[in-house]
């Protein structure tokens, strides 16, 4: 039998006292807005209403019906609300199934309370349930979310030693956790360790390590890993190519990035808005606005709608080469196409204008963003104060500081 220790005490079967946001509120008045006033979500209220109706059904529906609703609430990341709903089930004497217990464990893990998740795991074992790969993966992800990779790996070793089977999602979580803390080499070693022995690696595992290598500027190694996955018969997807294109852009090899764009198209892998944004941004940062515009046109030709990131990249590119009028025209085009400028759009323009001492125009944009209810941030004020000071308007700068 799997064994471990836990320090938490439970008021009820599964829910720690800390997570009881109410004192046995009758289920007929239980809604997202009453328990959590910060939520104003009709869909969420509908889910809770349906949950309450199930609670009062006679006979009581099977736990799987409650699990469907709880699953949708957890998927929407309303973890505290889901925990409260579990408590309502306990009040009514409804015993959760393993799937529901795994959902509860996930809620605690997502909220950073791995100890409570293990307390639920303890109850699972005491009830005679047989934990599965989902149960173990939930706990592995909990450790990874807290950056406790040594504990995640130790737990993995303990699980495997006791004869339990993990799956691709389990190892994907471990590999992702290692890469996120900069342990790319360890992630690759884990991939080698499980390959064909514990599980068959999939495209997600390879993509995660390729992405980490590219961020570390080890693009040549990333390409070798890409070749390896192809030889193994694992088909690369749009994420694989986006990652490699980004890697080449990071090291300034934009031509290779364009070549990969052509290659993925030939292989019938459709580039997405992120693919083009990577290239547009890279060309703009190097001041190659003609090339950036060409990529933008290819994007339109492929019926891919530019998003606010695309336009912000172009605005930034034109501002970098001091072509603020072109940048302003992009800002206007974006608005005409139904995309409202965001804080970054305004910050780029304000900084671009201040750099070439067009401070009055920058102040006009500052007023415009406020009229649109976009709250200026430290970047906005820093650009304006710098521009005002360099143009000798110290008094105006001091007024901004005092806001």
Protein backbone atom coordinates (compact mmCIF):
# COMPACT_ATOMS: atom_id res chain seq x y z
CA UNK A 1 0.00 0.00 0.00
CA UNK A 2 1.15 3.51 -0.84
CA UNK A 3 2.17 5.39 2.31
CA UNK A 4 3.04 8.98 3.18
CA UNK A 5 2.56 11.49 5.99
CA UNK A 6 0.34 14.57 6.18
CA UNK A 7 -0.01 17.28 8.79
CA UNK A 8 -3.47 18.73 7.99
CA UNK A 9 -6.65 17.99 9.98
CA UNK A 10 -10.03 17.73 8.33
CA UNK A 11 -13.30 19.09 9.70
CA UNK A 12 -15.25 16.90 7.29
CA UNK A 13 -14.22 13.90 5.25
CA UNK A 14 -12.27 15.82 2.64
CA UNK A 15 -12.44 19.62 3.05
CA UNK A 16 -9.99 21.39 5.42
CA UNK A 17 -11.52 24.01 7.70
CA UNK A 18 -9.56 26.77 5.97
CA UNK A 19 -11.52 26.16 2.80
CA UNK A 20 -15.01 26.42 4.29
CA UNK A 21 -15.96 29.94 3.08
CA UNK A 22 -19.36 29.67 4.73
CA UNK A 23 -20.96 27.93 7.70
CA UNK A 24 -23.28 25.36 6.21
CA UNK A 25 -25.17 27.83 4.03
CA UNK A 26 -28.33 26.10 2.82
CA UNK A 27 -27.84 25.00 -0.74
CA UNK A 28 -30.94 26.83 -2.00
CA UNK A 29 -29.21 30.18 -1.43
CA UNK A 30 -25.79 29.03 -2.57
CA UNK A 31 -24.55 30.88 -5.66
CA UNK A 32 -21.32 32.38 -6.94
CA UNK A 33 -22.51 35.92 -6.19
CA UNK A 34 -23.53 35.14 -2.58
CA UNK A 35 -20.37 33.24 -1.68
CA UNK A 36 -17.90 35.17 -3.82
CA UNK A 37 -19.19 38.71 -4.58
CA UNK A 38 -16.21 39.32 -6.92
CA UNK A 39 -17.73 36.86 -9.41
CA UNK A 40 -20.51 38.05 -11.70
CA UNK A 41 -20.73 35.15 -14.11
CA UNK A 42 -24.16 33.98 -15.35
CA UNK A 43 -22.69 30.75 -16.75
CA UNK A 44 -21.11 29.97 -13.38
CA UNK A 45 -24.37 30.74 -11.56
CA UNK A 46 -26.21 28.42 -13.94
CA UNK A 47 -23.74 25.64 -13.19
CA UNK A 48 -24.19 26.14 -9.45
CA UNK A 49 -27.98 26.26 -9.85
CA UNK A 50 -27.88 22.93 -11.70
CA UNK A 51 -25.60 21.52 -8.99
CA UNK A 52 -28.09 22.63 -6.30
CA UNK A 53 -30.98 21.01 -8.14
CA UNK A 54 -29.04 17.73 -8.27
CA UNK A 55 -28.47 17.96 -4.52
CA UNK A 56 -32.22 18.04 -3.92
CA UNK A 57 -33.16 15.28 -6.37
CA UNK A 58 -34.71 12.18 -4.90
CA UNK A 59 -33.20 9.72 -5.41
CA UNK A 60 -29.82 11.41 -5.34
CA UNK A 61 -28.11 11.20 -8.75
CA UNK A 62 -24.86 9.22 -8.99
CA UNK A 63 -21.62 11.10 -8.14
CA UNK A 64 -20.62 11.14 -11.81
CA UNK A 65 -23.41 13.65 -12.53
CA UNK A 66 -22.01 16.02 -9.91
CA UNK A 67 -18.55 15.40 -11.35
CA UNK A 68 -19.59 16.71 -14.76
CA UNK A 69 -20.59 20.06 -13.27
CA UNK A 70 -17.58 20.21 -10.96
CA UNK A 71 -15.31 19.41 -13.91
CA UNK A 72 -16.61 22.39 -15.91
CA UNK A 73 -16.18 24.71 -12.90
CA UNK A 74 -12.62 23.49 -12.30
CA UNK A 75 -11.87 23.86 -16.02
CA UNK A 76 -12.96 27.50 -15.73
CA UNK A 77 -10.43 27.85 -12.86
CA UNK A 78 -13.00 28.59 -10.14
CA UNK A 79 -11.13 26.40 -7.70
CA UNK A 80 -12.40 27.87 -4.42
CA UNK A 81 -16.01 27.62 -5.60
CA UNK A 82 -15.48 23.99 -6.62
CA UNK A 83 -14.12 23.22 -3.15
CA UNK A 84 -17.23 24.81 -1.62
CA UNK A 85 -19.44 22.64 -3.81
CA UNK A 86 -17.57 19.53 -2.66
CA UNK A 87 -18.38 20.55 0.89
CA UNK A 88 -22.08 20.76 -0.03
CA UNK A 89 -21.89 17.19 -1.32
CA UNK A 90 -20.43 16.08 1.99
CA UNK A 91 -23.16 17.87 3.95
CA UNK A 92 -25.70 15.83 1.96
CA UNK A 93 -23.80 12.61 2.61
CA UNK A 94 -22.80 12.05 -1.03
CA UNK A 95 -19.58 10.08 -1.26
CA UNK A 96 -17.34 11.34 -4.09
CA UNK A 97 -15.92 8.92 -6.62
CA UNK A 98 -12.23 8.75 -7.51
CA UNK A 99 -12.70 11.15 -10.43
CA UNK A 100 -14.31 13.75 -8.16
CA UNK A 101 -11.56 13.28 -5.58
CA UNK A 102 -8.96 13.91 -8.30
CA UNK A 103 -10.80 17.14 -9.18
CA UNK A 104 -10.68 18.20 -5.53
CA UNK A 105 -6.96 17.40 -5.35
CA UNK A 106 -6.42 19.47 -8.49
CA UNK A 107 -8.20 22.44 -6.89
CA UNK A 108 -5.89 22.34 -3.88
CA UNK A 109 -2.82 21.94 -6.11
CA UNK A 110 -3.81 24.89 -8.27
CA UNK A 111 -4.26 27.01 -5.14
CA UNK A 112 -0.78 25.99 -3.99
CA UNK A 113 -1.91 23.72 -1.14
CA UNK A 114 -0.21 20.45 -1.95
CA UNK A 115 -0.50 19.25 1.68
CA UNK A 116 -4.30 19.39 1.48
CA UNK A 117 -4.16 17.57 -1.86
CA UNK A 118 -2.20 14.76 -0.20
CA UNK A 119 -4.78 14.68 2.60
CA UNK A 120 -7.46 13.98 0.00
CA UNK A 121 -5.15 11.34 -1.49
CA UNK A 122 -4.92 9.71 1.95
CA UNK A 123 -8.72 9.51 2.14
CA UNK A 124 -8.78 7.95 -1.35
CA UNK A 125 -6.53 5.14 -0.17
CA UNK A 126 -8.44 4.65 3.11
CA UNK A 127 -11.70 4.30 1.17
CA UNK A 128 -10.17 1.53 -0.88
CA UNK A 129 -10.10 3.42 -4.16
CA UNK A 130 -7.30 2.48 -6.53
CA UNK A 131 -5.41 5.63 -7.60
CA UNK A 132 -4.74 5.89 -11.31
CA UNK A 133 -2.44 7.89 -13.59
CA UNK A 134 -4.75 10.93 -13.34
CA UNK A 135 -4.53 10.89 -9.53
CA UNK A 136 -0.73 10.68 -9.53
CA UNK A 137 -0.35 13.24 -12.35
CA UNK A 138 -2.45 15.73 -10.37
CA UNK A 139 -0.02 15.52 -7.44
CA UNK A 140 3.03 15.67 -9.72
CA UNK A 141 1.62 18.84 -11.31
CA UNK A 142 1.00 20.24 -7.82
CA UNK A 143 4.69 19.91 -6.95
CA UNK A 144 5.69 21.35 -10.34
CA UNK A 145 3.41 24.37 -9.89
CA UNK A 146 5.26 25.17 -6.66
CA UNK A 147 8.62 24.65 -8.37
CA UNK A 148 9.37 21.68 -6.10
CA UNK A 149 10.79 19.46 -8.82
CA UNK A 150 12.92 17.38 -6.47
CA UNK A 151 9.74 16.38 -4.60
CA UNK A 152 7.91 15.71 -7.87
CA UNK A 153 10.70 13.42 -9.07
CA UNK A 154 10.95 11.67 -5.70
CA UNK A 155 7.19 11.09 -5.72
CA UNK A 156 7.43 9.77 -9.30
CA UNK A 157 10.17 7.31 -8.31
CA UNK A 158 8.14 6.12 -5.33
CA UNK A 159 5.01 5.60 -7.45
CA UNK A 160 6.88 3.66 -10.16
CA UNK A 161 8.75 1.56 -7.56
CA UNK A 162 5.42 0.41 -6.15
CA UNK A 163 4.29 -0.81 -9.54
CA UNK A 164 1.90 1.98 -10.52
CA UNK A 165 1.71 3.04 -14.17
CA UNK A 166 2.05 6.66 -15.23
CA UNK A 167 1.19 8.01 -18.68
CA UNK A 168 2.33 10.57 -21.26
CA UNK A 169 0.58 13.39 -19.40
CA UNK A 170 2.46 12.50 -16.21
CA UNK A 171 5.85 12.63 -17.90
CA UNK A 172 4.83 15.68 -19.91
CA UNK A 173 4.15 17.47 -16.62
CA UNK A 174 7.55 16.47 -15.21
CA UNK A 175 9.39 17.52 -18.36
CA UNK A 176 7.51 20.84 -18.44
CA UNK A 177 8.29 21.44 -14.76
CA UNK A 178 11.99 20.79 -15.28
CA UNK A 179 12.15 23.10 -18.29
CA UNK A 180 10.35 25.89 -16.45
CA UNK A 181 13.04 25.93 -13.75
CA UNK A 182 15.80 25.93 -16.37
CA UNK A 183 16.69 22.24 -16.07
CA UNK A 184 16.57 21.52 -19.80
CA UNK A 185 19.34 18.92 -19.64
CA UNK A 186 17.52 17.05 -16.86
CA UNK A 187 14.32 17.15 -18.92
CA UNK A 188 16.16 15.62 -21.87
CA UNK A 189 17.63 12.94 -19.61
CA UNK A 190 14.14 12.11 -18.34
CA UNK A 191 12.91 11.82 -21.93
CA UNK A 192 15.73 9.37 -22.67
CA UNK A 193 14.97 7.44 -19.49
CA UNK A 194 11.28 6.87 -20.26
CA UNK A 195 11.59 6.46 -24.04
CA UNK A 196 10.12 3.09 -24.96
CA UNK A 197 10.49 1.80 -21.41
CA UNK A 198 7.89 3.58 -19.32
CA UNK A 199 5.90 5.42 -22.01
CA UNK A 200 6.23 6.39 -25.65
CA UNK A 201 7.29 10.05 -25.93
CA UNK A 202 4.86 12.31 -27.79
CA UNK A 203 5.01 15.62 -29.64
CA UNK A 204 4.16 17.58 -26.46
CA UNK A 205 7.24 16.27 -24.62
CA UNK A 206 9.52 17.02 -27.58
CA UNK A 207 7.98 20.48 -28.09
CA UNK A 208 8.54 21.37 -24.44
CA UNK A 209 12.25 20.52 -24.56
CA UNK A 210 12.73 22.11 -28.01
CA UNK A 211 11.13 25.30 -26.68
CA UNK A 212 13.41 25.32 -23.63
CA UNK A 213 16.50 24.76 -25.81
CA UNK A 214 15.50 27.62 -28.10
CA UNK A 215 15.01 29.96 -25.15
CA UNK A 216 18.51 28.96 -24.01
CA UNK A 217 19.73 29.81 -27.56
CA UNK A 218 20.65 26.15 -28.14
CA UNK A 219 18.89 26.21 -31.50
CA UNK A 220 21.25 23.70 -33.12
CA UNK A 221 20.46 21.19 -30.34
CA UNK A 222 16.76 21.95 -30.76
CA UNK A 223 17.00 21.19 -34.48
CA UNK A 224 18.74 17.89 -33.71
CA UNK A 225 15.89 16.96 -31.34
CA UNK A 226 13.37 17.95 -34.01
CA UNK A 227 15.13 15.62 -36.47
CA UNK A 228 15.10 12.84 -33.87
CA UNK A 229 11.35 13.08 -33.34
CA UNK A 230 10.73 12.97 -37.09
CA UNK A 231 12.93 9.85 -37.43
CA UNK A 232 10.90 8.25 -34.60
CA UNK A 233 7.72 8.87 -36.56
CA UNK A 234 6.43 11.62 -34.25
CA UNK A 235 4.88 14.27 -36.47
CA UNK A 236 5.81 17.88 -35.67
CA UNK A 237 2.91 20.32 -35.36
CA UNK A 238 2.44 24.07 -35.57
CA UNK A 239 3.81 24.45 -32.00
CA UNK A 240 7.03 22.65 -33.00
CA UNK A 241 7.60 24.99 -35.92
CA UNK A 242 6.60 28.12 -33.98
CA UNK A 243 9.13 27.19 -31.32
CA UNK A 244 11.94 26.65 -33.83
CA UNK A 245 11.08 29.83 -35.77
CA UNK A 246 11.18 31.75 -32.48
CA UNK A 247 14.55 30.16 -31.68
CA UNK A 248 16.07 31.28 -34.99
CA UNK A 249 14.66 34.77 -34.45
CA UNK A 250 16.17 34.91 -30.95
CA UNK A 251 19.65 34.27 -32.38
CA UNK A 252 19.08 36.66 -35.29
CA UNK A 253 18.82 34.06 -38.06
CA UNK A 254 15.61 35.36 -39.60
CA UNK A 255 16.23 33.80 -43.00
CA UNK A 256 16.17 30.34 -41.40
CA UNK A 257 12.93 31.35 -39.68
CA UNK A 258 11.37 32.21 -43.06
CA UNK A 259 12.67 28.94 -44.50
CA UNK A 260 10.89 27.04 -41.72
CA UNK A 261 7.68 28.94 -42.48
CA UNK A 262 7.91 27.73 -46.07
CA UNK A 263 8.77 24.19 -44.94
CA UNK A 264 5.78 23.87 -42.63
CA UNK A 265 3.46 25.13 -45.36
CA UNK A 266 4.84 22.51 -47.78
CA UNK A 267 4.17 19.86 -45.13
CA UNK A 268 0.53 21.01 -44.86
CA UNK A 269 1.00 22.39 -41.37
CA UNK A 270 -0.91 25.65 -41.35
CA UNK A 271 0.87 28.57 -39.69
CA UNK A 272 -1.23 30.49 -37.18
CA UNK A 273 -1.31 34.10 -36.00
CA UNK A 274 1.46 33.35 -33.48
CA UNK A 275 3.75 32.07 -36.28
CA UNK A 276 3.46 35.33 -38.17
CA UNK A 277 3.67 37.48 -35.04
CA UNK A 278 7.04 35.93 -34.18
CA UNK A 279 8.44 36.89 -37.59
CA UNK A 280 6.82 40.34 -37.75
CA UNK A 281 8.19 41.15 -34.31
CA UNK A 282 11.68 39.89 -35.16
CA UNK A 283 11.92 41.91 -38.40
CA UNK A 284 10.55 45.02 -36.66
CA UNK A 285 13.08 44.75 -33.84
CA UNK A 286 15.88 44.66 -36.44
CA UNK A 287 14.43 47.70 -38.21
CA UNK A 288 13.56 45.66 -41.32
CA UNK A 289 10.11 47.13 -41.83
CA UNK A 290 9.89 46.13 -45.49
CA UNK A 291 10.37 42.47 -44.60
CA UNK A 292 7.95 42.79 -41.69
CA UNK A 293 5.32 44.25 -44.01
CA UNK A 294 5.89 41.39 -46.48
CA UNK A 295 5.26 38.85 -43.72
CA UNK A 296 2.14 40.81 -42.76
CA UNK A 297 0.88 40.61 -46.36
CA UNK A 298 1.53 36.85 -46.49
CA UNK A 299 -0.47 36.60 -43.29
CA UNK A 300 -3.43 38.39 -44.89
CA UNK A 301 -3.10 36.24 -48.02
CA UNK A 302 -3.36 33.12 -45.83
CA UNK A 303 -6.65 34.45 -44.37
CA UNK A 304 -5.11 34.82 -40.93
CA UNK A 305 -6.54 37.81 -39.13
CA UNK A 306 -3.86 39.98 -37.47
CA UNK A 307 -4.43 40.52 -33.76
CA UNK A 308 -3.43 43.34 -31.44
CA UNK A 309 0.03 41.78 -30.97
CA UNK A 310 0.64 41.97 -34.74
CA UNK A 311 -0.28 45.64 -34.90
CA UNK A 312 1.68 46.50 -31.76
CA UNK A 313 4.77 44.89 -33.30
CA UNK A 314 4.38 47.05 -36.43
CA UNK A 315 3.76 50.20 -34.40
CA UNK A 316 6.87 49.45 -32.35
CA UNK A 317 8.89 48.79 -35.52
CA UNK A 318 7.99 52.12 -37.09
CA UNK A 319 8.65 53.98 -33.84
CA UNK A 320 12.09 52.35 -33.57
CA UNK A 321 13.04 53.89 -36.93
CA UNK A 322 11.37 57.19 -35.95
CA UNK A 323 8.55 56.86 -38.51
CA UNK A 324 5.89 57.87 -36.02
CA UNK A 325 3.40 59.01 -38.68
CA UNK A 326 3.38 55.49 -40.15
CA UNK A 327 3.06 54.10 -36.63
CA UNK A 328 0.07 56.38 -35.98
CA UNK A 329 -1.54 55.22 -39.23
CA UNK A 330 -1.18 51.60 -38.05
CA UNK A 331 -2.86 52.61 -34.79
CA UNK A 332 -5.75 54.10 -36.77
CA UNK A 333 -6.02 51.09 -39.11
CA UNK A 334 -6.18 48.81 -36.09
CA UNK A 335 -9.08 50.82 -34.63
CA UNK A 336 -10.88 50.85 -38.01
CA UNK A 337 -10.67 47.04 -38.11
CA UNK A 338 -12.38 46.72 -34.75
CA UNK A 339 -9.30 46.21 -32.58
CA UNK A 340 -9.17 48.67 -29.72
CA UNK A 341 -5.63 49.82 -28.86
CA UNK A 342 -4.43 48.57 -25.48
CA UNK A 343 -2.03 50.01 -22.92
CA UNK A 344 0.95 48.64 -24.85
CA UNK A 345 -0.22 50.30 -28.09
CA UNK A 346 -0.37 53.68 -26.39
CA UNK A 347 2.88 53.21 -24.48
CA UNK A 348 4.76 52.39 -27.70
CA UNK A 349 3.34 55.45 -29.46
CA UNK A 350 3.89 57.81 -26.51
CA UNK A 351 7.49 56.64 -26.11
CA UNK A 352 8.09 56.97 -29.87
CA UNK A 353 6.73 60.51 -29.92
CA UNK A 354 8.68 61.56 -26.82
CA UNK A 355 11.93 60.22 -28.32
CA UNK A 356 11.64 62.68 -31.24
CA UNK A 357 10.44 65.50 -28.95
CA UNK A 358 6.82 65.47 -30.17
CA UNK A 359 5.69 65.77 -26.57
CA UNK A 360 2.44 67.65 -27.28
CA UNK A 361 1.28 64.80 -29.53
CA UNK A 362 2.31 62.34 -26.82
CA UNK A 363 0.25 64.26 -24.26
CA UNK A 364 -2.74 64.19 -26.61
CA UNK A 365 -2.46 60.40 -26.80
CA UNK A 366 -2.16 60.32 -23.01
CA UNK A 367 -5.47 62.17 -22.73
CA UNK A 368 -7.03 59.94 -25.39
CA UNK A 369 -6.12 56.74 -23.56
CA UNK A 370 -7.60 58.13 -20.35
CA UNK A 371 -10.82 59.03 -22.17
CA UNK A 372 -10.96 55.38 -23.32
CA UNK A 373 -10.68 54.27 -19.67
CA UNK A 374 -7.21 52.79 -20.24
CA UNK A 375 -5.25 53.30 -17.03
CA UNK A 376 -1.69 54.60 -17.60
CA UNK A 377 1.09 52.58 -15.96
CA UNK A 378 4.67 53.25 -14.89
CA UNK A 379 5.89 52.86 -18.51
CA UNK A 380 3.47 55.58 -19.67
CA UNK A 381 4.54 58.04 -16.99
CA UNK A 382 8.25 57.28 -17.39
CA UNK A 383 8.12 58.05 -21.14
CA UNK A 384 6.14 61.26 -20.65
CA UNK A 385 8.26 62.55 -17.75
CA UNK A 386 11.45 61.81 -19.71
CA UNK A 387 10.06 63.57 -22.79
CA UNK A 388 8.89 66.61 -20.83
CA UNK A 389 12.20 66.94 -18.98
CA UNK A 390 14.26 66.69 -22.17
CA UNK A 391 12.12 69.38 -23.79
CA UNK A 392 12.68 71.68 -20.80
CA UNK A 393 9.11 71.44 -19.46
CA UNK A 394 10.05 70.53 -15.92
CA UNK A 395 6.88 72.01 -14.37
CA UNK A 396 4.64 69.76 -16.48
CA UNK A 397 6.80 66.79 -15.56
CA UNK A 398 6.43 67.55 -11.86
CA UNK A 399 2.65 67.78 -12.29
CA UNK A 400 2.66 64.26 -13.76
CA UNK A 401 4.76 63.00 -10.87
CA UNK A 402 2.25 64.37 -8.37
CA UNK A 403 -0.75 62.65 -10.05
